[in-house]
Amino acid sequence: MKARPTSEAVQVLLGDYIDRGSSSRQVIDMLIARRRNHNLMLLKGNHEEFALRFLHNPLLLSQWKSIGGLNTVLSYVKEITQSQGIDTRFSVEGDEVAVGVD
């Protein structure tokens, strides 16, 4: 930016924002916040594409889980329960996630 100033810079981000650990929700929240003050082009990666496919066909859970989808689901469940002051525990068996209250 210093070498070639411009009045309208566009930041291009290359996808795969989710399924990379336990912070998928926080990554998406950060991108949403950044978009408020910056001109962003957010490209969808294969992980986002698979999440959208799962939302239309929940039978794809076991496949999505194999590339990290369960971490994404849990990041949203944990955020919701923590924001409501609910102390929870999570267990995973097969393609099911159980959420219990401590």
PDB file of N, CA and C in Angstrom:
ATOM      1  N   MET A   1       0.828  -1.192   0.000  1.00  0.00           N
ATOM      2  CA  MET A   1       0.000   0.000   0.000  1.00  0.00           C
ATOM      3  C   MET A   1       0.872   1.255   0.000  1.00  0.00           C
ATOM      4  N   LYS A   2       1.994   1.189   0.698  1.00  0.00           N
ATOM      5  CA  LYS A   2       2.874   2.351   0.724  1.00  0.00           C
ATOM      6  C   LYS A   2       3.506   2.580  -0.649  1.00  0.00           C
ATOM      7  N   ALA A   3       3.912   1.516  -1.304  1.00  0.00           N
ATOM      8  CA  ALA A   3       4.589   1.634  -2.597  1.00  0.00           C
ATOM      9  C   ALA A   3       3.634   2.081  -3.707  1.00  0.00           C
ATOM     10  N   ARG A   4       2.388   1.645  -3.633  1.00  0.00           N
ATOM     11  CA  ARG A   4       1.391   1.991  -4.667  1.00  0.00           C
ATOM     12  C   ARG A   4       0.061   2.345  -4.012  1.00  0.00           C
ATOM     13  N   PRO A   5      -0.027   3.541  -3.456  1.00  0.00           N
ATOM     14  CA  PRO A   5      -1.267   3.951  -2.784  1.00  0.00           C
ATOM     15  C   PRO A   5      -2.457   3.933  -3.744  1.00  0.00           C
ATOM     16  N   THR A   6      -3.601   3.620  -3.207  1.00  0.00           N
ATOM     17  CA  THR A   6      -4.831   3.618  -3.991  1.00  0.00           C
ATOM     18  C   THR A   6      -5.975   4.089  -3.106  1.00  0.00           C
ATOM     19  N   SER A   7      -6.974   4.631  -3.703  1.00  0.00           N
ATOM     20  CA  SER A   7      -8.110   5.112  -2.916  1.00  0.00           C
ATOM     21  C   SER A   7      -9.070   3.976  -2.567  1.00  0.00           C
ATOM     22  N   GLU A   8      -9.015   2.879  -3.315  1.00  0.00           N
ATOM     23  CA  GLU A   8      -9.921   1.757  -3.048  1.00  0.00           C
ATOM     24  C   GLU A   8      -9.190   0.421  -3.136  1.00  0.00           C
ATOM     25  N   ALA A   9      -8.607   0.014  -2.045  1.00  0.00           N
ATOM     26  CA  ALA A   9      -7.954  -1.293  -1.998  1.00  0.00           C
ATOM     27  C   ALA A   9      -9.002  -2.364  -1.701  1.00  0.00           C
ATOM     28  N   VAL A  10      -8.852  -3.510  -2.320  1.00  0.00           N
ATOM     29  CA  VAL A  10      -9.719  -4.655  -2.066  1.00  0.00           C
ATOM     30  C   VAL A  10      -8.860  -5.773  -1.504  1.00  0.00           C
ATOM     31  N   GLN A  11      -9.247  -6.268  -0.346  1.00  0.00           N
ATOM     32  CA  GLN A  11      -8.541  -7.397   0.246  1.00  0.00           C
ATOM     33  C   GLN A  11      -9.244  -8.670  -0.205  1.00  0.00           C
ATOM     34  N   VAL A  12      -8.502  -9.595  -0.776  1.00  0.00           N
ATOM     35  CA  VAL A  12      -9.061 -10.854  -1.255  1.00  0.00           C
ATOM     36  C   VAL A  12      -8.582 -11.966  -0.334  1.00  0.00           C
ATOM     37  N   LEU A  13      -9.526 -12.659   0.296  1.00  0.00           N
ATOM     38  CA  LEU A  13      -9.207 -13.764   1.198  1.00  0.00           C
ATOM     39  C   LEU A  13      -9.647 -15.065   0.537  1.00  0.00           C
ATOM     40  N   LEU A  14      -8.838 -16.104   0.695  1.00  0.00           N
ATOM     41  CA  LEU A  14      -8.946 -17.286  -0.146  1.00  0.00           C
ATOM     42  C   LEU A  14      -9.715 -18.482   0.410  1.00  0.00           C
ATOM     43  N   GLY A  15     -10.543 -18.313   1.380  1.00  0.00           N
ATOM     44  CA  GLY A  15     -11.398 -19.409   1.813  1.00  0.00           C
ATOM     45  C   GLY A  15     -10.747 -20.375   2.780  1.00  0.00           C
ATOM     46  N   ASP A  16     -11.506 -21.440   3.090  1.00  0.00           N
ATOM     47  CA  ASP A  16     -11.145 -22.411   4.118  1.00  0.00           C
ATOM     48  C   ASP A  16     -10.973 -21.726   5.469  1.00  0.00           C
ATOM     49  N   TYR A  17     -11.978 -20.937   5.833  1.00  0.00           N
ATOM     50  CA  TYR A  17     -11.977 -20.207   7.098  1.00  0.00           C
ATOM     51  C   TYR A  17     -12.408 -21.108   8.258  1.00  0.00           C
ATOM     52  N   ILE A  18     -13.105 -22.194   7.944  1.00  0.00           N
ATOM     53  CA  ILE A  18     -13.663 -23.077   8.969  1.00  0.00           C
ATOM     54  C   ILE A  18     -12.995 -24.445   8.903  1.00  0.00           C
ATOM     55  N   ASP A  19     -13.326 -25.268   9.881  1.00  0.00           N
ATOM     56  CA  ASP A  19     -12.880 -26.665   9.956  1.00  0.00           C
ATOM     57  C   ASP A  19     -11.388 -26.810  10.240  1.00  0.00           C
ATOM     58  N   ARG A  20     -10.762 -25.794  10.778  1.00  0.00           N
ATOM     59  CA  ARG A  20      -9.323 -25.839  11.031  1.00  0.00           C
ATOM     60  C   ARG A  20      -9.002 -25.827  12.521  1.00  0.00           C
ATOM     61  N   GLY A  21      -9.935 -26.241  13.342  1.00  0.00           N
ATOM     62  CA  GLY A  21      -9.721 -26.235  14.785  1.00  0.00           C
ATOM     63  C   GLY A  21     -10.969 -25.772  15.503  1.00  0.00           C
ATOM     64  N   SER A  22     -10.825 -25.410  16.745  1.00  0.00           N
ATOM     65  CA  SER A  22     -11.985 -25.109  17.589  1.00  0.00           C
ATOM     66  C   SER A  22     -12.455 -23.656  17.508  1.00  0.00           C
ATOM     67  N   SER A  23     -11.889 -22.847  16.633  1.00  0.00           N
ATOM     68  CA  SER A  23     -12.227 -21.418  16.594  1.00  0.00           C
ATOM     69  C   SER A  23     -12.934 -20.979  15.318  1.00  0.00           C
ATOM     70  N   SER A  24     -13.612 -21.878  14.650  1.00  0.00           N
ATOM     71  CA  SER A  24     -14.287 -21.513  13.391  1.00  0.00           C
ATOM     72  C   SER A  24     -15.268 -20.358  13.589  1.00  0.00           C
ATOM     73  N   ARG A  25     -16.043 -20.411  14.643  1.00  0.00           N
ATOM     74  CA  ARG A  25     -17.018 -19.339  14.914  1.00  0.00           C
ATOM     75  C   ARG A  25     -16.305 -18.002  15.064  1.00  0.00           C
ATOM     76  N   GLN A  26     -15.208 -17.993  15.806  1.00  0.00           N
ATOM     77  CA  GLN A  26     -14.472 -16.752  16.026  1.00  0.00           C
ATOM     78  C   GLN A  26     -13.879 -16.221  14.723  1.00  0.00           C
ATOM     79  N   VAL A  27     -13.420 -17.112  13.863  1.00  0.00           N
ATOM     80  CA  VAL A  27     -12.869 -16.686  12.568  1.00  0.00           C
ATOM     81  C   VAL A  27     -13.961 -16.020  11.736  1.00  0.00           C
ATOM     82  N   ILE A  28     -15.128 -16.638  11.666  1.00  0.00           N
ATOM     83  CA  ILE A  28     -16.240 -16.055  10.897  1.00  0.00           C
ATOM     84  C   ILE A  28     -16.654 -14.718  11.497  1.00  0.00           C
ATOM     85  N   ASP A  29     -16.744 -14.642  12.814  1.00  0.00           N
ATOM     86  CA  ASP A  29     -17.089 -13.374  13.471  1.00  0.00           C
ATOM     87  C   ASP A  29     -16.059 -12.291  13.151  1.00  0.00           C
ATOM     88  N   MET A  30     -14.769 -12.663  13.137  1.00  0.00           N
ATOM     89  CA  MET A  30     -13.713 -11.706  12.814  1.00  0.00           C
ATOM     90  C   MET A  30     -13.852 -11.206  11.373  1.00  0.00           C
ATOM     91  N   LEU A  31     -14.154 -12.106  10.444  1.00  0.00           N
ATOM     92  CA  LEU A  31     -14.333 -11.705   9.047  1.00  0.00           C
ATOM     93  C   LEU A  31     -15.524 -10.769   8.883  1.00  0.00           C
ATOM     94  N   ILE A  32     -16.612 -11.055   9.580  1.00  0.00           N
ATOM     95  CA  ILE A  32     -17.788 -10.185   9.529  1.00  0.00           C
ATOM     96  C   ILE A  32     -17.443  -8.802  10.060  1.00  0.00           C
ATOM     97  N   ALA A  33     -16.730  -8.750  11.178  1.00  0.00           N
ATOM     98  CA  ALA A  33     -16.342  -7.459  11.759  1.00  0.00           C
ATOM     99  C   ALA A  33     -15.391  -6.706  10.824  1.00  0.00           C
ATOM    100  N   ARG A  34     -14.444  -7.409  10.244  1.00  0.00           N
ATOM    101  CA  ARG A  34     -13.471  -6.765   9.345  1.00  0.00           C
ATOM    102  C   ARG A  34     -14.164  -6.189   8.120  1.00  0.00           C
ATOM    103  N   ARG A  35     -15.183  -6.870   7.659  1.00  0.00           N
ATOM    104  CA  ARG A  35     -15.897  -6.429   6.456  1.00  0.00           C
ATOM    105  C   ARG A  35     -16.613  -5.090   6.667  1.00  0.00           C
ATOM    106  N   ARG A  36     -16.914  -4.768   7.913  1.00  0.00           N
ATOM    107  CA  ARG A  36     -17.584  -3.501   8.207  1.00  0.00           C
ATOM    108  C   ARG A  36     -16.715  -2.294   7.859  1.00  0.00           C
ATOM    109  N   ASN A  37     -15.384  -2.460   7.974  1.00  0.00           N
ATOM    110  CA  ASN A  37     -14.478  -1.325   7.779  1.00  0.00           C
ATOM    111  C   ASN A  37     -13.522  -1.476   6.613  1.00  0.00           C
ATOM    112  N   HIS A  38     -13.587  -2.595   5.916  1.00  0.00           N
ATOM    113  CA  HIS A  38     -12.662  -2.842   4.813  1.00  0.00           C
ATOM    114  C   HIS A  38     -13.427  -3.389   3.612  1.00  0.00           C
ATOM    115  N   ASN A  39     -12.890  -3.144   2.453  1.00  0.00           N
ATOM    116  CA  ASN A  39     -13.469  -3.679   1.232  1.00  0.00           C
ATOM    117  C   ASN A  39     -12.896  -5.086   1.025  1.00  0.00           C
ATOM    118  N   LEU A  40     -13.705  -6.107   1.324  1.00  0.00           N
ATOM    119  CA  LEU A  40     -13.239  -7.490   1.277  1.00  0.00           C
ATOM    120  C   LEU A  40     -13.917  -8.277   0.168  1.00  0.00           C
ATOM    121  N   MET A  41     -13.168  -9.189  -0.411  1.00  0.00           N
ATOM    122  CA  MET A  41     -13.699 -10.199  -1.311  1.00  0.00           C
ATOM    123  C   MET A  41     -13.401 -11.526  -0.622  1.00  0.00           C
ATOM    124  N   LEU A  42     -14.439 -12.160  -0.096  1.00  0.00           N
ATOM    125  CA  LEU A  42     -14.271 -13.411   0.642  1.00  0.00           C
ATOM    126  C   LEU A  42     -14.608 -14.569  -0.285  1.00  0.00           C
ATOM    127  N   LEU A  43     -13.591 -15.282  -0.706  1.00  0.00           N
ATOM    128  CA  LEU A  43     -13.809 -16.424  -1.582  1.00  0.00           C
ATOM    129  C   LEU A  43     -14.130 -17.659  -0.746  1.00  0.00           C
ATOM    130  N   LYS A  44     -15.011 -18.466  -1.268  1.00  0.00           N
ATOM    131  CA  LYS A  44     -15.430 -19.682  -0.582  1.00  0.00           C
ATOM    132  C   LYS A  44     -14.447 -20.800  -0.913  1.00  0.00           C
ATOM    133  N   GLY A  45     -13.967 -21.475   0.126  1.00  0.00           N
ATOM    134  CA  GLY A  45     -13.098 -22.624  -0.073  1.00  0.00           C
ATOM    135  C   GLY A  45     -13.900 -23.914  -0.039  1.00  0.00           C
ATOM    136  N   ASN A  46     -13.211 -25.024  -0.205  1.00  0.00           N
ATOM    137  CA  ASN A  46     -13.920 -26.302  -0.215  1.00  0.00           C
ATOM    138  C   ASN A  46     -14.556 -26.630   1.132  1.00  0.00           C
ATOM    139  N   HIS A  47     -14.012 -26.124   2.235  1.00  0.00           N
ATOM    140  CA  HIS A  47     -14.610 -26.383   3.545  1.00  0.00           C
ATOM    141  C   HIS A  47     -15.936 -25.633   3.705  1.00  0.00           C
ATOM    142  N   GLU A  48     -15.994 -24.409   3.242  1.00  0.00           N
ATOM    143  CA  GLU A  48     -17.263 -23.663   3.282  1.00  0.00           C
ATOM    144  C   GLU A  48     -18.278 -24.305   2.341  1.00  0.00           C
ATOM    145  N   GLU A  49     -17.818 -24.729   1.191  1.00  0.00           N
ATOM    146  CA  GLU A  49     -18.701 -25.407   0.230  1.00  0.00           C
ATOM    147  C   GLU A  49     -19.294 -26.675   0.842  1.00  0.00           C
ATOM    148  N   PHE A  50     -18.459 -27.427   1.543  1.00  0.00           N
ATOM    149  CA  PHE A  50     -18.950 -28.665   2.150  1.00  0.00           C
ATOM    150  C   PHE A  50     -19.938 -28.363   3.271  1.00  0.00           C
ATOM    151  N   ALA A  51     -19.688 -27.312   4.051  1.00  0.00           N
ATOM    152  CA  ALA A  51     -20.624 -26.929   5.113  1.00  0.00           C
ATOM    153  C   ALA A  51     -21.985 -26.584   4.520  1.00  0.00           C
ATOM    154  N   LEU A  52     -22.007 -25.870   3.418  1.00  0.00           N
ATOM    155  CA  LEU A  52     -23.278 -25.530   2.767  1.00  0.00           C
ATOM    156  C   LEU A  52     -23.977 -26.783   2.241  1.00  0.00           C
ATOM    157  N   ARG A  53     -23.212 -27.698   1.694  1.00  0.00           N
ATOM    158  CA  ARG A  53     -23.801 -28.960   1.229  1.00  0.00           C
ATOM    159  C   ARG A  53     -24.399 -29.728   2.393  1.00  0.00           C
ATOM    160  N   PHE A  54     -23.701 -29.749   3.545  1.00  0.00           N
ATOM    161  CA  PHE A  54     -24.212 -30.422   4.738  1.00  0.00           C
ATOM    162  C   PHE A  54     -25.525 -29.799   5.212  1.00  0.00           C
ATOM    163  N   LEU A  55     -25.621 -28.475   5.178  1.00  0.00           N
ATOM    164  CA  LEU A  55     -26.849 -27.812   5.624  1.00  0.00           C
ATOM    165  C   LEU A  55     -28.055 -28.212   4.769  1.00  0.00           C
ATOM    166  N   HIS A  56     -27.814 -28.527   3.519  1.00  0.00           N
ATOM    167  CA  HIS A  56     -28.888 -28.977   2.639  1.00  0.00           C
ATOM    168  C   HIS A  56     -29.110 -30.484   2.717  1.00  0.00           C
ATOM    169  N   ASN A  57     -28.110 -31.218   3.206  1.00  0.00           N
ATOM    170  CA  ASN A  57     -28.207 -32.669   3.282  1.00  0.00           C
ATOM    171  C   ASN A  57     -27.452 -33.168   4.515  1.00  0.00           C
ATOM    172  N   PRO A  58     -28.122 -33.216   5.677  1.00  0.00           N
ATOM    173  CA  PRO A  58     -27.451 -33.627   6.917  1.00  0.00           C
ATOM    174  C   PRO A  58     -26.843 -35.030   6.867  1.00  0.00           C
ATOM    175  N   LEU A  59     -27.220 -35.835   5.903  1.00  0.00           N
ATOM    176  CA  LEU A  59     -26.629 -37.166   5.782  1.00  0.00           C
ATOM    177  C   LEU A  59     -25.134 -37.104   5.436  1.00  0.00           C
ATOM    178  N   LEU A  60     -24.651 -35.929   5.072  1.00  0.00           N
ATOM    179  CA  LEU A  60     -23.235 -35.751   4.741  1.00  0.00           C
ATOM    180  C   LEU A  60     -22.363 -35.518   5.976  1.00  0.00           C
ATOM    181  N   LEU A  61     -22.962 -35.592   7.172  1.00  0.00           N
ATOM    182  CA  LEU A  61     -22.209 -35.277   8.392  1.00  0.00           C
ATOM    183  C   LEU A  61     -20.939 -36.107   8.525  1.00  0.00           C
ATOM    184  N   SER A  62     -21.012 -37.400   8.294  1.00  0.00           N
ATOM    185  CA  SER A  62     -19.813 -38.222   8.499  1.00  0.00           C
ATOM    186  C   SER A  62     -18.690 -37.806   7.548  1.00  0.00           C
ATOM    187  N   GLN A  63     -19.033 -37.410   6.326  1.00  0.00           N
ATOM    188  CA  GLN A  63     -18.012 -36.943   5.384  1.00  0.00           C
ATOM    189  C   GLN A  63     -17.456 -35.584   5.814  1.00  0.00           C
ATOM    190  N   TRP A  64     -18.356 -34.668   6.227  1.00  0.00           N
ATOM    191  CA  TRP A  64     -17.904 -33.350   6.665  1.00  0.00           C
ATOM    192  C   TRP A  64     -17.046 -33.474   7.915  1.00  0.00           C
ATOM    193  N   LYS A  65     -17.454 -34.393   8.786  1.00  0.00           N
ATOM    194  CA  LYS A  65     -16.694 -34.621  10.019  1.00  0.00           C
ATOM    195  C   LYS A  65     -15.260 -35.044   9.701  1.00  0.00           C
ATOM    196  N   SER A  66     -15.073 -35.799   8.640  1.00  0.00           N
ATOM    197  CA  SER A  66     -13.739 -36.296   8.305  1.00  0.00           C
ATOM    198  C   SER A  66     -12.780 -35.184   7.871  1.00  0.00           C
ATOM    199  N   ILE A  67     -13.316 -34.002   7.528  1.00  0.00           N
ATOM    200  CA  ILE A  67     -12.436 -32.880   7.155  1.00  0.00           C
ATOM    201  C   ILE A  67     -12.491 -31.748   8.181  1.00  0.00           C
ATOM    202  N   GLY A  68     -13.027 -32.048   9.375  1.00  0.00           N
ATOM    203  CA  GLY A  68     -13.004 -31.064  10.456  1.00  0.00           C
ATOM    204  C   GLY A  68     -14.321 -30.378  10.742  1.00  0.00           C
ATOM    205  N   GLY A  69     -15.391 -30.805  10.115  1.00  0.00           N
ATOM    206  CA  GLY A  69     -16.686 -30.144  10.289  1.00  0.00           C
ATOM    207  C   GLY A  69     -17.217 -30.164  11.701  1.00  0.00           C
ATOM    208  N   LEU A  70     -16.904 -31.215  12.447  1.00  0.00           N
ATOM    209  CA  LEU A  70     -17.397 -31.305  13.815  1.00  0.00           C
ATOM    210  C   LEU A  70     -16.862 -30.168  14.672  1.00  0.00           C
ATOM    211  N   ASN A  71     -15.614 -29.783  14.450  1.00  0.00           N
ATOM    212  CA  ASN A  71     -15.050 -28.643  15.185  1.00  0.00           C
ATOM    213  C   ASN A  71     -15.831 -27.366  14.908  1.00  0.00           C
ATOM    214  N   THR A  72     -16.278 -27.200  13.678  1.00  0.00           N
ATOM    215  CA  THR A  72     -17.061 -26.015  13.330  1.00  0.00           C
ATOM    216  C   THR A  72     -18.394 -26.025  14.059  1.00  0.00           C
ATOM    217  N   VAL A  73     -19.084 -27.149  14.033  1.00  0.00           N
ATOM    218  CA  VAL A  73     -20.369 -27.271  14.729  1.00  0.00           C
ATOM    219  C   VAL A  73     -20.181 -26.975  16.212  1.00  0.00           C
ATOM    220  N   LEU A  74     -19.170 -27.586  16.814  1.00  0.00           N
ATOM    221  CA  LEU A  74     -18.946 -27.391  18.247  1.00  0.00           C
ATOM    222  C   LEU A  74     -18.593 -25.947  18.581  1.00  0.00           C
ATOM    223  N   SER A  75     -17.893 -25.248  17.691  1.00  0.00           N
ATOM    224  CA  SER A  75     -17.543 -23.854  17.984  1.00  0.00           C
ATOM    225  C   SER A  75     -18.798 -22.997  18.091  1.00  0.00           C
ATOM    226  N   TYR A  76     -19.821 -23.320  17.324  1.00  0.00           N
ATOM    227  CA  TYR A  76     -21.081 -22.578  17.407  1.00  0.00           C
ATOM    228  C   TYR A  76     -21.892 -22.996  18.627  1.00  0.00           C
ATOM    229  N   VAL A  77     -21.949 -24.289  18.926  1.00  0.00           N
ATOM    230  CA  VAL A  77     -22.695 -24.763  20.092  1.00  0.00           C
ATOM    231  C   VAL A  77     -22.077 -24.205  21.367  1.00  0.00           C
ATOM    232  N   LYS A  78     -20.746 -24.251  21.463  1.00  0.00           N
ATOM    233  CA  LYS A  78     -20.074 -23.740  22.653  1.00  0.00           C
ATOM    234  C   LYS A  78     -20.313 -22.252  22.830  1.00  0.00           C
ATOM    235  N   GLU A  79     -20.262 -21.494  21.752  1.00  0.00           N
ATOM    236  CA  GLU A  79     -20.481 -20.045  21.819  1.00  0.00           C
ATOM    237  C   GLU A  79     -21.891 -19.743  22.319  1.00  0.00           C
ATOM    238  N   ILE A  80     -22.867 -20.462  21.821  1.00  0.00           N
ATOM    239  CA  ILE A  80     -24.260 -20.225  22.226  1.00  0.00           C
ATOM    240  C   ILE A  80     -24.454 -20.561  23.697  1.00  0.00           C
ATOM    241  N   THR A  81     -23.969 -21.722  24.125  1.00  0.00           N
ATOM    242  CA  THR A  81     -24.174 -22.115  25.514  1.00  0.00           C
ATOM    243  C   THR A  81     -23.401 -21.225  26.477  1.00  0.00           C
ATOM    244  N   GLN A  82     -22.177 -20.858  26.120  1.00  0.00           N
ATOM    245  CA  GLN A  82     -21.387 -19.990  26.997  1.00  0.00           C
ATOM    246  C   GLN A  82     -21.994 -18.603  27.095  1.00  0.00           C
ATOM    247  N   SER A  83     -22.509 -18.075  25.984  1.00  0.00           N
ATOM    248  CA  SER A  83     -23.095 -16.735  26.018  1.00  0.00           C
ATOM    249  C   SER A  83     -24.351 -16.697  26.882  1.00  0.00           C
ATOM    250  N   GLN A  84     -24.968 -17.856  27.096  1.00  0.00           N
ATOM    251  CA  GLN A  84     -26.165 -17.920  27.933  1.00  0.00           C
ATOM    252  C   GLN A  84     -25.844 -18.395  29.349  1.00  0.00           C
ATOM    253  N   GLY A  85     -24.549 -18.501  29.649  1.00  0.00           N
ATOM    254  CA  GLY A  85     -24.134 -18.883  30.996  1.00  0.00           C
ATOM    255  C   GLY A  85     -24.374 -20.344  31.310  1.00  0.00           C
ATOM    256  N   ILE A  86     -24.460 -21.186  30.313  1.00  0.00           N
ATOM    257  CA  ILE A  86     -24.704 -22.611  30.526  1.00  0.00           C
ATOM    258  C   ILE A  86     -23.366 -23.344  30.455  1.00  0.00           C
ATOM    259  N   ASP A  87     -23.047 -24.064  31.511  1.00  0.00           N
ATOM    260  CA  ASP A  87     -21.811 -24.847  31.531  1.00  0.00           C
ATOM    261  C   ASP A  87     -22.123 -26.205  30.911  1.00  0.00           C
ATOM    262  N   THR A  88     -21.451 -26.537  29.835  1.00  0.00           N
ATOM    263  CA  THR A  88     -21.793 -27.757  29.104  1.00  0.00           C
ATOM    264  C   THR A  88     -20.605 -28.690  28.952  1.00  0.00           C
ATOM    265  N   ARG A  89     -20.915 -29.929  28.665  1.00  0.00           N
ATOM    266  CA  ARG A  89     -19.907 -30.913  28.288  1.00  0.00           C
ATOM    267  C   ARG A  89     -20.363 -31.514  26.963  1.00  0.00           C
ATOM    268  N   PHE A  90     -19.423 -31.923  26.166  1.00  0.00           N
ATOM    269  CA  PHE A  90     -19.714 -32.436  24.833  1.00  0.00           C
ATOM    270  C   PHE A  90     -19.134 -33.836  24.699  1.00  0.00           C
ATOM    271  N   SER A  91     -19.891 -34.705  24.064  1.00  0.00           N
ATOM    272  CA  SER A  91     -19.351 -36.015  23.722  1.00  0.00           C
ATOM    273  C   SER A  91     -19.763 -36.340  22.297  1.00  0.00           C
ATOM    274  N   VAL A  92     -18.913 -37.098  21.647  1.00  0.00           N
ATOM    275  CA  VAL A  92     -19.144 -37.434  20.254  1.00  0.00           C
ATOM    276  C   VAL A  92     -19.128 -38.946  20.123  1.00  0.00           C
ATOM    277  N   GLU A  93     -20.167 -39.473  19.500  1.00  0.00           N
ATOM    278  CA  GLU A  93     -20.214 -40.908  19.237  1.00  0.00           C
ATOM    279  C   GLU A  93     -20.741 -41.107  17.826  1.00  0.00           C
ATOM    280  N   GLY A  94     -19.932 -41.689  16.992  1.00  0.00           N
ATOM    281  CA  GLY A  94     -20.339 -41.860  15.597  1.00  0.00           C
ATOM    282  C   GLY A  94     -20.551 -40.519  14.944  1.00  0.00           C
ATOM    283  N   ASP A  95     -21.739 -40.283  14.443  1.00  0.00           N
ATOM    284  CA  ASP A  95     -22.072 -39.018  13.802  1.00  0.00           C
ATOM    285  C   ASP A  95     -22.967 -38.143  14.674  1.00  0.00           C
ATOM    286  N   GLU A  96     -23.007 -38.429  15.973  1.00  0.00           N
ATOM    287  CA  GLU A  96     -23.869 -37.663  16.871  1.00  0.00           C
ATOM    288  C   GLU A  96     -23.045 -36.905  17.893  1.00  0.00           C
ATOM    289  N   VAL A  97     -23.498 -35.695  18.191  1.00  0.00           N
ATOM    290  CA  VAL A  97     -22.882 -34.869  19.224  1.00  0.00           C
ATOM    291  C   VAL A  97     -23.888 -34.747  20.348  1.00  0.00           C
ATOM    292  N   ALA A  98     -23.466 -35.099  21.560  1.00  0.00           N
ATOM    293  CA  ALA A  98     -24.331 -34.955  22.714  1.00  0.00           C
ATOM    294  C   ALA A  98     -23.852 -33.767  23.534  1.00  0.00           C
ATOM    295  N   VAL A  99     -24.789 -32.921  23.943  1.00  0.00           N
ATOM    296  CA  VAL A  99     -24.481 -31.761  24.760  1.00  0.00           C
ATOM    297  C   VAL A  99     -25.179 -31.953  26.091  1.00  0.00           C
ATOM    298  N   GLY A 100     -24.415 -31.977  27.162  1.00  0.00           N
ATOM    299  CA  GLY A 100     -24.988 -32.143  28.494  1.00  0.00           C
ATOM    300  C   GLY A 100     -24.690 -30.925  29.344  1.00  0.00           C
ATOM    301  N   VAL A 101     -25.507 -30.723  30.352  1.00  0.00           N
ATOM    302  CA  VAL A 101     -25.319 -29.591  31.254  1.00  0.00           C
ATOM    303  C   VAL A 101     -24.621 -30.097  32.506  1.00  0.00           C
ATOM    304  N   ASP A 102     -23.565 -29.392  32.895  1.00  0.00           N
ATOM    305  CA  ASP A 102     -22.832 -29.761  34.123  1.00  0.00           C
ATOM    306  C   ASP A 102     -23.514 -29.175  35.331  1.00  0.00           C
TER     307      ASP A 102
END
